[in-house]
PDB file of N, CA and C in Angstrom:
ATOM      1  N   MET A   1      -1.087  10.645  15.057  1.00  0.00           N
ATOM      2  CA  MET A   1      -0.569  12.107  15.059  1.00  0.00           C
ATOM      3  C   MET A   1       0.385  12.732  15.067  1.00  0.00           C
ATOM      4  N   HIS A   2       1.160  13.844  14.646  1.00  0.00           N
ATOM      5  CA  HIS A   2       2.692  14.269  14.859  1.00  0.00           C
ATOM      6  C   HIS A   2       2.441  14.982  16.089  1.00  0.00           C
ATOM      7  N   GLN A   3       3.648  14.907  16.774  1.00  0.00           N
ATOM      8  CA  GLN A   3       4.088  15.850  18.061  1.00  0.00           C
ATOM      9  C   GLN A   3       4.543  16.697  17.618  1.00  0.00           C
ATOM     10  N   SER A   4       3.528  18.213  17.414  1.00  0.00           N
ATOM     11  CA  SER A   4       3.998  19.602  16.987  1.00  0.00           C
ATOM     12  C   SER A   4       4.648  20.365  18.209  1.00  0.00           C
ATOM     13  N   LEU A   5       3.873  19.762  19.628  1.00  0.00           N
ATOM     14  CA  LEU A   5       4.744  20.603  20.793  1.00  0.00           C
ATOM     15  C   LEU A   5       5.555  20.051  21.273  1.00  0.00           C
ATOM     16  N   GLU A   6       7.132  20.406  21.068  1.00  0.00           N
ATOM     17  CA  GLU A   6       8.090  19.972  21.513  1.00  0.00           C
ATOM     18  C   GLU A   6       8.393  20.019  23.022  1.00  0.00           C
ATOM     19  N   MET A   7       8.855  18.947  23.920  1.00  0.00           N
ATOM     20  CA  MET A   7       9.184  19.334  25.365  1.00  0.00           C
ATOM     21  C   MET A   7      10.472  19.723  25.881  1.00  0.00           C
ATOM     22  N   LYS A   8      10.451  20.942  25.755  1.00  0.00           N
ATOM     23  CA  LYS A   8      11.370  21.850  26.131  1.00  0.00           C
ATOM     24  C   LYS A   8      11.741  21.428  27.869  1.00  0.00           C
ATOM     25  N   SER A   9      12.906  21.448  28.503  1.00  0.00           N
ATOM     26  CA  SER A   9      13.246  21.151  29.790  1.00  0.00           C
ATOM     27  C   SER A   9      12.220  22.045  30.601  1.00  0.00           C
ATOM     28  N   GLY A  10      12.073  23.133  30.577  1.00  0.00           N
ATOM     29  CA  GLY A  10      11.278  23.723  31.430  1.00  0.00           C
ATOM     30  C   GLY A  10       9.619  23.254  31.559  1.00  0.00           C
ATOM     31  N   THR A  11       9.227  22.966  30.149  1.00  0.00           N
ATOM     32  CA  THR A  11       7.923  22.320  30.238  1.00  0.00           C
ATOM     33  C   THR A  11       7.842  21.196  30.988  1.00  0.00           C
ATOM     34  N   VAL A  12       8.841  20.385  30.594  1.00  0.00           N
ATOM     35  CA  VAL A  12       8.771  19.001  31.415  1.00  0.00           C
ATOM     36  C   VAL A  12       8.668  19.235  32.721  1.00  0.00           C
ATOM     37  N   ARG A  13       9.095  20.315  33.541  1.00  0.00           N
ATOM     38  CA  ARG A  13       9.017  20.152  34.756  1.00  0.00           C
ATOM     39  C   ARG A  13       7.998  20.786  35.423  1.00  0.00           C
ATOM     40  N   HIS A  14       7.637  21.960  34.489  1.00  0.00           N
ATOM     41  CA  HIS A  14       6.041  22.534  34.697  1.00  0.00           C
ATOM     42  C   HIS A  14       4.943  21.315  34.619  1.00  0.00           C
ATOM     43  N   CYS A  15       5.257  20.398  33.587  1.00  0.00           N
ATOM     44  CA  CYS A  15       4.601  19.332  33.266  1.00  0.00           C
ATOM     45  C   CYS A  15       4.036  18.345  34.763  1.00  0.00           C
ATOM     46  N   LEU A  16       5.258  18.159  35.071  1.00  0.00           N
ATOM     47  CA  LEU A  16       5.436  17.486  36.257  1.00  0.00           C
ATOM     48  C   LEU A  16       4.844  18.506  37.331  1.00  0.00           C
ATOM     49  N   GLU A  17       4.922  19.285  37.366  1.00  0.00           N
ATOM     50  CA  GLU A  17       4.202  20.369  38.795  1.00  0.00           C
ATOM     51  C   GLU A  17       2.520  20.286  38.589  1.00  0.00           C
ATOM     52  N   VAL A  18       2.130  20.181  37.239  1.00  0.00           N
ATOM     53  CA  VAL A  18       0.953  20.258  37.033  1.00  0.00           C
ATOM     54  C   VAL A  18       0.201  18.910  37.586  1.00  0.00           C
ATOM     55  N   PHE A  19       0.993  17.960  36.986  1.00  0.00           N
ATOM     56  CA  PHE A  19       0.356  16.511  37.762  1.00  0.00           C
ATOM     57  C   PHE A  19       0.321  16.668  38.761  1.00  0.00           C
ATOM     58  N   GLN A  20       1.337  17.074  39.699  1.00  0.00           N
ATOM     59  CA  GLN A  20       1.322  17.210  41.248  1.00  0.00           C
ATOM     60  C   GLN A  20       0.260  18.142  42.059  1.00  0.00           C
ATOM     61  N   ALA A  21       0.128  19.051  41.263  1.00  0.00           N
ATOM     62  CA  ALA A  21      -1.049  20.016  41.735  1.00  0.00           C
ATOM     63  C   ALA A  21      -2.301  19.570  41.457  1.00  0.00           C
ATOM     64  N   ILE A  22      -2.634  18.796  40.336  1.00  0.00           N
ATOM     65  CA  ILE A  22      -4.071  17.545  40.339  1.00  0.00           C
ATOM     66  C   ILE A  22      -4.184  16.847  41.340  1.00  0.00           C
ATOM     67  N   GLN A  23      -3.034  15.881  41.922  1.00  0.00           N
ATOM     68  CA  GLN A  23      -3.114  15.460  42.655  1.00  0.00           C
ATOM     69  C   GLN A  23      -3.347  15.770  43.688  1.00  0.00           C
ATOM     70  N   THR A  24      -2.589  16.831  44.369  1.00  0.00           N
ATOM     71  CA  THR A  24      -3.071  17.439  45.707  1.00  0.00           C
ATOM     72  C   THR A  24      -4.112  18.786  45.789  1.00  0.00           C
ATOM     73  N   ASP A  25      -4.550  19.030  44.911  1.00  0.00           N
ATOM     74  CA  ASP A  25      -5.865  20.038  44.345  1.00  0.00           C
ATOM     75  C   ASP A  25      -5.513  21.151  44.980  1.00  0.00           C
ATOM     76  N   SER A  26      -4.228  21.651  44.722  1.00  0.00           N
ATOM     77  CA  SER A  26      -3.783  22.539  45.238  1.00  0.00           C
ATOM     78  C   SER A  26      -3.835  23.956  44.705  1.00  0.00           C
ATOM     79  N   ARG A  27      -4.118  24.117  43.315  1.00  0.00           N
ATOM     80  CA  ARG A  27      -4.030  25.018  42.329  1.00  0.00           C
ATOM     81  C   ARG A  27      -5.262  25.724  41.661  1.00  0.00           C
ATOM     82  N   THR A  28      -5.622  26.731  41.878  1.00  0.00           N
ATOM     83  CA  THR A  28      -6.660  27.758  41.098  1.00  0.00           C
ATOM     84  C   THR A  28      -6.595  27.080  39.374  1.00  0.00           C
ATOM     85  N   SER A  29      -7.863  27.351  38.749  1.00  0.00           N
ATOM     86  CA  SER A  29      -7.641  27.468  37.378  1.00  0.00           C
ATOM     87  C   SER A  29      -6.845  28.339  36.563  1.00  0.00           C
ATOM     88  N   GLY A  30      -7.060  29.495  37.327  1.00  0.00           N
ATOM     89  CA  GLY A  30      -6.008  30.579  36.771  1.00  0.00           C
ATOM     90  C   GLY A  30      -4.368  30.396  37.205  1.00  0.00           C
ATOM     91  N   TRP A  31      -3.927  29.147  37.876  1.00  0.00           N
ATOM     92  CA  TRP A  31      -2.682  28.693  37.969  1.00  0.00           C
ATOM     93  C   TRP A  31      -2.590  27.902  36.923  1.00  0.00           C
ATOM     94  N   TYR A  32      -3.242  27.123  36.508  1.00  0.00           N
ATOM     95  CA  TYR A  32      -3.049  26.084  35.371  1.00  0.00           C
ATOM     96  C   TYR A  32      -2.918  26.931  33.970  1.00  0.00           C
ATOM     97  N   TRP A  33      -3.510  27.833  33.930  1.00  0.00           N
ATOM     98  CA  TRP A  33      -3.827  28.891  32.757  1.00  0.00           C
ATOM     99  C   TRP A  33      -2.551  29.774  32.603  1.00  0.00           C
ATOM    100  N   GLY A  34      -1.833  29.946  33.669  1.00  0.00           N
ATOM    101  CA  GLY A  34      -0.692  30.832  33.224  1.00  0.00           C
ATOM    102  C   GLY A  34      -1.042  32.456  33.910  1.00  0.00           C
ATOM    103  N   ASP A  35      -2.542  32.380  34.376  1.00  0.00           N
ATOM    104  CA  ASP A  35      -2.688  33.857  34.839  1.00  0.00           C
ATOM    105  C   ASP A  35      -2.045  34.304  36.293  1.00  0.00           C
ATOM    106  N   VAL A  36      -1.317  33.416  36.780  1.00  0.00           N
ATOM    107  CA  VAL A  36      -0.589  33.723  38.141  1.00  0.00           C
ATOM    108  C   VAL A  36       0.586  34.331  37.364  1.00  0.00           C
ATOM    109  N   ARG A  37       1.198  35.577  37.987  1.00  0.00           N
ATOM    110  CA  ARG A  37       2.550  36.270  37.734  1.00  0.00           C
ATOM    111  C   ARG A  37       3.381  35.085  37.813  1.00  0.00           C
ATOM    112  N   GLY A  38       4.334  35.298  36.916  1.00  0.00           N
ATOM    113  CA  GLY A  38       5.553  34.321  36.828  1.00  0.00           C
ATOM    114  C   GLY A  38       5.006  32.653  36.303  1.00  0.00           C
ATOM    115  N   LYS A  39       4.236  32.366  35.973  1.00  0.00           N
ATOM    116  CA  LYS A  39       3.299  30.871  35.765  1.00  0.00           C
ATOM    117  C   LYS A  39       3.003  31.179  34.640  1.00  0.00           C
ATOM    118  N   ALA A  40       3.208  31.565  33.755  1.00  0.00           N
ATOM    119  CA  ALA A  40       2.734  31.680  32.271  1.00  0.00           C
ATOM    120  C   ALA A  40       3.473  30.427  31.766  1.00  0.00           C
ATOM    121  N   THR A  41       4.545  29.562  31.913  1.00  0.00           N
ATOM    122  CA  THR A  41       4.992  28.147  31.271  1.00  0.00           C
ATOM    123  C   THR A  41       3.960  27.369  31.715  1.00  0.00           C
ATOM    124  N   VAL A  42       3.463  27.284  32.926  1.00  0.00           N
ATOM    125  CA  VAL A  42       2.479  26.618  33.421  1.00  0.00           C
ATOM    126  C   VAL A  42       1.650  26.354  32.361  1.00  0.00           C
ATOM    127  N   ALA A  43       0.809  27.141  31.691  1.00  0.00           N
ATOM    128  CA  ALA A  43      -0.202  27.074  30.820  1.00  0.00           C
ATOM    129  C   ALA A  43       0.390  26.324  29.599  1.00  0.00           C
ATOM    130  N   GLU A  44       1.521  26.402  29.064  1.00  0.00           N
ATOM    131  CA  GLU A  44       2.180  25.864  27.924  1.00  0.00           C
ATOM    132  C   GLU A  44       1.959  24.314  28.322  1.00  0.00           C
ATOM    133  N   ALA A  45       2.776  24.147  29.986  1.00  0.00           N
ATOM    134  CA  ALA A  45       2.334  22.760  30.245  1.00  0.00           C
ATOM    135  C   ALA A  45       1.139  21.746  30.176  1.00  0.00           C
ATOM    136  N   THR A  46       0.259  22.731  30.944  1.00  0.00           N
ATOM    137  CA  THR A  46      -0.986  22.395  30.923  1.00  0.00           C
ATOM    138  C   THR A  46      -1.868  21.957  29.755  1.00  0.00           C
ATOM    139  N   THR A  47      -1.425  22.738  28.603  1.00  0.00           N
ATOM    140  CA  THR A  47      -1.956  22.432  27.312  1.00  0.00           C
ATOM    141  C   THR A  47      -1.301  21.118  26.716  1.00  0.00           C
ATOM    142  N   ALA A  48       0.191  21.370  26.769  1.00  0.00           N
ATOM    143  CA  ALA A  48       0.836  19.779  26.477  1.00  0.00           C
ATOM    144  C   ALA A  48       0.130  18.457  27.081  1.00  0.00           C
ATOM    145  N   LEU A  49      -0.096  18.450  28.136  1.00  0.00           N
ATOM    146  CA  LEU A  49      -0.753  17.506  28.955  1.00  0.00           C
ATOM    147  C   LEU A  49      -2.236  17.331  28.235  1.00  0.00           C
ATOM    148  N   TRP A  50      -3.016  18.100  28.206  1.00  0.00           N
ATOM    149  CA  TRP A  50      -4.086  18.048  27.805  1.00  0.00           C
ATOM    150  C   TRP A  50      -4.224  17.781  26.236  1.00  0.00           C
ATOM    151  N   ARG A  51      -3.349  18.126  25.363  1.00  0.00           N
ATOM    152  CA  ARG A  51      -3.282  17.489  24.157  1.00  0.00           C
ATOM    153  C   ARG A  51      -2.936  16.041  24.197  1.00  0.00           C
ATOM    154  N   LYS A  52      -2.199  15.787  24.786  1.00  0.00           N
ATOM    155  CA  LYS A  52      -1.561  14.083  25.050  1.00  0.00           C
ATOM    156  C   LYS A  52      -2.739  13.316  25.868  1.00  0.00           C
ATOM    157  N   ASP A  53      -3.763  13.959  26.163  1.00  0.00           N
ATOM    158  CA  ASP A  53      -4.941  13.381  26.964  1.00  0.00           C
ATOM    159  C   ASP A  53      -4.511  12.790  28.058  1.00  0.00           C
ATOM    160  N   LEU A  54      -3.382  13.255  28.869  1.00  0.00           N
ATOM    161  CA  LEU A  54      -3.331  12.944  30.305  1.00  0.00           C
ATOM    162  C   LEU A  54      -3.753  13.605  31.311  1.00  0.00           C
ATOM    163  N   ILE A  55      -4.488  14.859  30.921  1.00  0.00           N
ATOM    164  CA  ILE A  55      -5.300  15.256  32.256  1.00  0.00           C
ATOM    165  C   ILE A  55      -6.799  15.961  31.234  1.00  0.00           C
ATOM    166  N   CYS A  56      -7.736  15.901  31.805  1.00  0.00           N
ATOM    167  CA  CYS A  56      -8.889  16.816  31.205  1.00  0.00           C
ATOM    168  C   CYS A  56      -9.244  17.746  32.192  1.00  0.00           C
ATOM    169  N   SER A  57     -10.096  18.959  31.572  1.00  0.00           N
ATOM    170  CA  SER A  57     -10.830  19.549  32.472  1.00  0.00           C
ATOM    171  C   SER A  57     -11.930  19.240  33.216  1.00  0.00           C
ATOM    172  N   ARG A  58     -12.316  19.740  34.436  1.00  0.00           N
ATOM    173  CA  ARG A  58     -13.689  19.621  34.960  1.00  0.00           C
ATOM    174  C   ARG A  58     -14.374  20.715  35.201  1.00  0.00           C
ATOM    175  N   VAL A  59     -15.559  20.620  35.794  1.00  0.00           N
ATOM    176  CA  VAL A  59     -16.286  21.815  36.248  1.00  0.00           C
ATOM    177  C   VAL A  59     -15.943  21.777  37.891  1.00  0.00           C
ATOM    178  N   GLY A  60     -15.788  22.909  38.491  1.00  0.00           N
ATOM    179  CA  GLY A  60     -15.787  23.157  39.937  1.00  0.00           C
ATOM    180  C   GLY A  60     -14.200  22.621  40.075  1.00  0.00           C
ATOM    181  N   PRO A  61     -13.810  22.856  41.180  1.00  0.00           N
ATOM    182  CA  PRO A  61     -12.205  22.559  41.881  1.00  0.00           C
ATOM    183  C   PRO A  61     -12.563  21.021  42.031  1.00  0.00           C
ATOM    184  N   PRO A  62     -11.393  20.551  41.864  1.00  0.00           N
ATOM    185  CA  PRO A  62     -10.146  20.879  41.069  1.00  0.00           C
ATOM    186  C   PRO A  62     -10.388  21.044  39.660  1.00  0.00           C
ATOM    187  N   PRO A  63      -9.730  21.947  39.113  1.00  0.00           N
ATOM    188  CA  PRO A  63     -10.435  22.344  37.967  1.00  0.00           C
ATOM    189  C   PRO A  63     -10.022  21.106  36.769  1.00  0.00           C
ATOM    190  N   PHE A  64      -8.679  20.123  37.062  1.00  0.00           N
ATOM    191  CA  PHE A  64      -8.616  19.554  36.056  1.00  0.00           C
ATOM    192  C   PHE A  64      -8.267  17.938  36.833  1.00  0.00           C
ATOM    193  N   ARG A  65      -8.241  17.221  36.514  1.00  0.00           N
ATOM    194  CA  ARG A  65      -8.192  15.683  36.859  1.00  0.00           C
ATOM    195  C   ARG A  65      -7.272  15.082  35.745  1.00  0.00           C
ATOM    196  N   LEU A  66      -6.649  13.779  36.371  1.00  0.00           N
ATOM    197  CA  LEU A  66      -5.831  12.867  35.425  1.00  0.00           C
ATOM    198  C   LEU A  66      -6.978  11.999  34.450  1.00  0.00           C
ATOM    199  N   THR A  67      -7.024  11.679  33.310  1.00  0.00           N
ATOM    200  CA  THR A  67      -7.522  10.748  32.616  1.00  0.00           C
ATOM    201  C   THR A  67      -6.898   9.482  33.047  1.00  0.00           C
ATOM    202  N   PRO A  68      -7.706   8.357  32.703  1.00  0.00           N
ATOM    203  CA  PRO A  68      -6.700   6.982  32.929  1.00  0.00           C
ATOM    204  C   PRO A  68      -5.856   7.095  32.121  1.00  0.00           C
ATOM    205  N   LYS A  69      -5.515   7.435  30.859  1.00  0.00           N
ATOM    206  CA  LYS A  69      -4.537   7.443  30.346  1.00  0.00           C
ATOM    207  C   LYS A  69      -3.045   8.220  30.906  1.00  0.00           C
ATOM    208  N   GLY A  70      -3.703   9.119  31.890  1.00  0.00           N
ATOM    209  CA  GLY A  70      -2.618  10.094  32.717  1.00  0.00           C
ATOM    210  C   GLY A  70      -2.209   9.044  33.770  1.00  0.00           C
ATOM    211  N   GLU A  71      -3.160   8.712  34.495  1.00  0.00           N
ATOM    212  CA  GLU A  71      -2.968   7.692  35.718  1.00  0.00           C
ATOM    213  C   GLU A  71      -2.041   6.501  35.486  1.00  0.00           C
ATOM    214  N   THR A  72      -2.448   6.007  34.114  1.00  0.00           N
ATOM    215  CA  THR A  72      -1.230   4.679  33.634  1.00  0.00           C
ATOM    216  C   THR A  72      -0.023   5.359  33.510  1.00  0.00           C
ATOM    217  N   PHE A  73      -0.142   6.435  32.828  1.00  0.00           N
ATOM    218  CA  PHE A  73       1.454   7.061  32.786  1.00  0.00           C
ATOM    219  C   PHE A  73       2.077   7.053  33.938  1.00  0.00           C
ATOM    220  N   LEU A  74       1.571   7.656  35.042  1.00  0.00           N
ATOM    221  CA  LEU A  74       2.165   7.924  36.230  1.00  0.00           C
ATOM    222  C   LEU A  74       2.714   6.495  36.754  1.00  0.00           C
ATOM    223  N   LYS A  75       1.525   5.780  36.816  1.00  0.00           N
ATOM    224  CA  LYS A  75       1.842   4.112  37.305  1.00  0.00           C
ATOM    225  C   LYS A  75       3.028   3.703  36.593  1.00  0.00           C
ATOM    226  N   THR A  76       2.974   3.787  35.283  1.00  0.00           N
ATOM    227  CA  THR A  76       4.034   3.143  34.200  1.00  0.00           C
ATOM    228  C   THR A  76       5.431   3.651  35.109  1.00  0.00           C
ATOM    229  N   HIS A  77       5.892   4.991  35.100  1.00  0.00           N
ATOM    230  CA  HIS A  77       6.814   5.743  35.783  1.00  0.00           C
ATOM    231  C   HIS A  77       6.564   6.042  37.217  1.00  0.00           C
ATOM    232  N   LYS A  78       6.448   5.184  37.823  1.00  0.00           N
ATOM    233  CA  LYS A  78       6.364   5.169  39.456  1.00  0.00           C
ATOM    234  C   LYS A  78       7.622   5.685  40.029  1.00  0.00           C
ATOM    235  N   LYS A  79       8.535   4.847  39.615  1.00  0.00           N
ATOM    236  CA  LYS A  79       9.925   5.115  40.341  1.00  0.00           C
ATOM    237  C   LYS A  79      10.475   6.627  39.854  1.00  0.00           C
ATOM    238  N   ALA A  80      10.177   6.824  38.829  1.00  0.00           N
ATOM    239  CA  ALA A  80      10.617   8.311  38.461  1.00  0.00           C
ATOM    240  C   ALA A  80       9.801   9.212  39.024  1.00  0.00           C
ATOM    241  N   TRP A  81       8.548   9.235  38.914  1.00  0.00           N
ATOM    242  CA  TRP A  81       7.490  10.011  39.893  1.00  0.00           C
ATOM    243  C   TRP A  81       7.804  10.350  41.240  1.00  0.00           C
ATOM    244  N   GLU A  82       8.120   8.947  41.799  1.00  0.00           N
ATOM    245  CA  GLU A  82       8.468   9.240  43.305  1.00  0.00           C
ATOM    246  C   GLU A  82       9.888  10.038  43.329  1.00  0.00           C
ATOM    247  N   ALA A  83      10.530   9.801  42.620  1.00  0.00           N
ATOM    248  CA  ALA A  83      11.919  10.534  42.637  1.00  0.00           C
ATOM    249  C   ALA A  83      11.604  12.024  42.327  1.00  0.00           C
ATOM    250  N   PHE A  84      10.766  12.349  41.716  1.00  0.00           N
ATOM    251  CA  PHE A  84      10.228  13.972  41.529  1.00  0.00           C
ATOM    252  C   PHE A  84       9.954  14.489  42.718  1.00  0.00           C
ATOM    253  N   LEU A  85       8.991  13.544  43.318  1.00  0.00           N
ATOM    254  CA  LEU A  85       8.386  14.247  44.695  1.00  0.00           C
ATOM    255  C   LEU A  85       9.282  14.544  45.498  1.00  0.00           C
ATOM    256  N   VAL A  86      10.567  13.802  45.764  1.00  0.00           N
ATOM    257  CA  VAL A  86      11.546  13.912  46.685  1.00  0.00           C
ATOM    258  C   VAL A  86      12.454  14.718  46.491  1.00  0.00           C
ATOM    259  N   ASP A  87      12.939  15.071  45.109  1.00  0.00           N
ATOM    260  CA  ASP A  87      13.404  16.177  44.800  1.00  0.00           C
ATOM    261  C   ASP A  87      13.091  16.273  43.121  1.00  0.00           C
ATOM    262  N   ALA A  88      12.654  17.594  43.057  1.00  0.00           N
ATOM    263  CA  ALA A  88      12.316  17.844  41.603  1.00  0.00           C
ATOM    264  C   ALA A  88      13.080  18.717  40.852  1.00  0.00           C
ATOM    265  N   ASP A  89      14.274  18.744  41.112  1.00  0.00           N
ATOM    266  CA  ASP A  89      15.444  19.414  40.635  1.00  0.00           C
ATOM    267  C   ASP A  89      16.395  18.096  40.056  1.00  0.00           C
ATOM    268  N   ARG A  90      15.836  16.866  40.206  1.00  0.00           N
ATOM    269  CA  ARG A  90      17.035  15.802  39.556  1.00  0.00           C
ATOM    270  C   ARG A  90      17.012  15.409  38.179  1.00  0.00           C
ATOM    271  N   LEU A  91      18.123  16.067  37.847  1.00  0.00           N
ATOM    272  CA  LEU A  91      18.243  16.089  36.142  1.00  0.00           C
ATOM    273  C   LEU A  91      18.198  14.830  35.380  1.00  0.00           C
ATOM    274  N   GLU A  92      18.237  13.739  36.271  1.00  0.00           N
ATOM    275  CA  GLU A  92      17.964  12.548  35.258  1.00  0.00           C
ATOM    276  C   GLU A  92      16.672  12.139  35.808  1.00  0.00           C
ATOM    277  N   THR A  93      15.622  12.500  36.845  1.00  0.00           N
ATOM    278  CA  THR A  93      14.565  12.466  36.510  1.00  0.00           C
ATOM    279  C   THR A  93      13.600  13.571  35.208  1.00  0.00           C
ATOM    280  N   LEU A  94      14.020  14.439  35.530  1.00  0.00           N
ATOM    281  CA  LEU A  94      13.813  15.228  34.321  1.00  0.00           C
ATOM    282  C   LEU A  94      13.998  14.787  32.953  1.00  0.00           C
ATOM    283  N   GLU A  95      14.789  14.294  32.982  1.00  0.00           N
ATOM    284  CA  GLU A  95      15.383  14.017  31.501  1.00  0.00           C
ATOM    285  C   GLU A  95      14.378  12.578  31.023  1.00  0.00           C
ATOM    286  N   HIS A  96      14.476  11.709  32.186  1.00  0.00           N
ATOM    287  CA  HIS A  96      13.305  10.643  32.163  1.00  0.00           C
ATOM    288  C   HIS A  96      11.620  11.069  31.658  1.00  0.00           C
ATOM    289  N   PHE A  97      11.539  11.727  32.260  1.00  0.00           N
ATOM    290  CA  PHE A  97      10.244  12.154  31.676  1.00  0.00           C
ATOM    291  C   PHE A  97      10.011  13.074  30.469  1.00  0.00           C
ATOM    292  N   ALA A  98      10.985  13.822  30.101  1.00  0.00           N
ATOM    293  CA  ALA A  98      10.843  14.277  28.734  1.00  0.00           C
ATOM    294  C   ALA A  98      10.952  13.070  27.833  1.00  0.00           C
ATOM    295  N   THR A  99      11.553  12.186  28.027  1.00  0.00           N
ATOM    296  CA  THR A  99      11.705  11.235  26.829  1.00  0.00           C
ATOM    297  C   THR A  99      10.411  10.643  27.136  1.00  0.00           C
ATOM    298  N   ALA A 100       9.934  10.106  28.179  1.00  0.00           N
ATOM    299  CA  ALA A 100       8.138   9.495  28.006  1.00  0.00           C
ATOM    300  C   ALA A 100       7.469  10.248  27.575  1.00  0.00           C
ATOM    301  N   LEU A 101       7.358  11.823  27.927  1.00  0.00           N
ATOM    302  CA  LEU A 101       6.473  12.379  27.714  1.00  0.00           C
ATOM    303  C   LEU A 101       6.537  12.733  25.695  1.00  0.00           C
ATOM    304  N   LYS A 102       7.634  12.825  25.342  1.00  0.00           N
ATOM    305  CA  LYS A 102       7.461  12.989  23.696  1.00  0.00           C
ATOM    306  C   LYS A 102       7.053  11.722  23.269  1.00  0.00           C
ATOM    307  N   GLN A 103       6.979  10.515  23.711  1.00  0.00           N
ATOM    308  CA  GLN A 103       6.817   9.253  23.155  1.00  0.00           C
ATOM    309  C   GLN A 103       5.093   9.198  23.330  1.00  0.00           C
ATOM    310  N   VAL A 104       4.354  10.173  24.045  1.00  0.00           N
ATOM    311  CA  VAL A 104       2.851  10.050  24.018  1.00  0.00           C
ATOM    312  C   VAL A 104       2.213  11.012  22.813  1.00  0.00           C
ATOM    313  N   ALA A 105       1.618  10.394  22.124  1.00  0.00           N
ATOM    314  CA  ALA A 105       1.054  10.866  21.064  1.00  0.00           C
ATOM    315  C   ALA A 105      -0.121  11.947  21.364  1.00  0.00           C
ATOM    316  N   GLU A 106       0.053  12.832  20.673  1.00  0.00           N
ATOM    317  CA  GLU A 106      -0.955  14.292  20.704  1.00  0.00           C
ATOM    318  C   GLU A 106      -2.344  13.712  20.274  1.00  0.00           C
ATOM    319  N   VAL A 107      -3.517  13.527  21.206  1.00  0.00           N
ATOM    320  CA  VAL A 107      -4.784  13.556  20.417  1.00  0.00           C
ATOM    321  C   VAL A 107      -6.006  14.584  20.327  1.00  0.00           C
ATOM    322  N   HIS A 108      -5.382  15.630  20.947  1.00  0.00           N
ATOM    323  CA  HIS A 108      -6.295  16.938  20.776  1.00  0.00           C
ATOM    324  C   HIS A 108      -5.861  17.773  19.837  1.00  0.00           C
ATOM    325  N   GLU A 109      -6.532  18.463  19.017  1.00  0.00           N
ATOM    326  CA  GLU A 109      -5.974  19.815  18.084  1.00  0.00           C
ATOM    327  C   GLU A 109      -5.392  20.852  19.135  1.00  0.00           C
ATOM    328  N   ALA A 110      -4.955  21.910  18.470  1.00  0.00           N
ATOM    329  CA  ALA A 110      -4.264  23.124  19.399  1.00  0.00           C
ATOM    330  C   ALA A 110      -5.610  23.872  19.880  1.00  0.00           C
ATOM    331  N   ARG A 111      -5.458  24.383  21.107  1.00  0.00           N
ATOM    332  CA  ARG A 111      -6.732  25.323  21.393  1.00  0.00           C
ATOM    333  C   ARG A 111      -6.262  26.662  20.894  1.00  0.00           C
ATOM    334  N   ASP A 112      -7.559  27.475  20.293  1.00  0.00           N
ATOM    335  CA  ASP A 112      -6.989  29.075  20.496  1.00  0.00           C
ATOM    336  C   ASP A 112      -6.837  29.795  21.641  1.00  0.00           C
ATOM    337  N   ALA A 113      -6.439  30.658  21.601  1.00  0.00           N
ATOM    338  CA  ALA A 113      -5.420  31.435  22.907  1.00  0.00           C
ATOM    339  C   ALA A 113      -6.819  32.039  23.214  1.00  0.00           C
ATOM    340  N   VAL A 114      -6.952  32.384  24.621  1.00  0.00           N
ATOM    341  CA  VAL A 114      -8.290  32.698  25.247  1.00  0.00           C
ATOM    342  C   VAL A 114      -8.148  34.006  25.152  1.00  0.00           C
TER     343      VAL A 114
END
């Protein structure tokens, strides 16, 4: 499948924030879908990760979980992931994940806006 959704640097950072929120169970479903003021770009990141089959929705809290593919992705990039958790603004870490996320093929079709 082609990768129609380009991973902009801001989207990459938000993708990593989504991964982090999923692991800590710290956000509402509205946060993931950009319903929180100033977080509209989080919805783009959530959609990007879903389209790449790295996360999937679930009923009840937390609203998302990592797929087996998502777990493998973070394990494969463990060193960079740990670097992100320590310092979310490290440029080299964001660049690492931008490259890594571009290499993951999309498997889901684009969703219609709700």
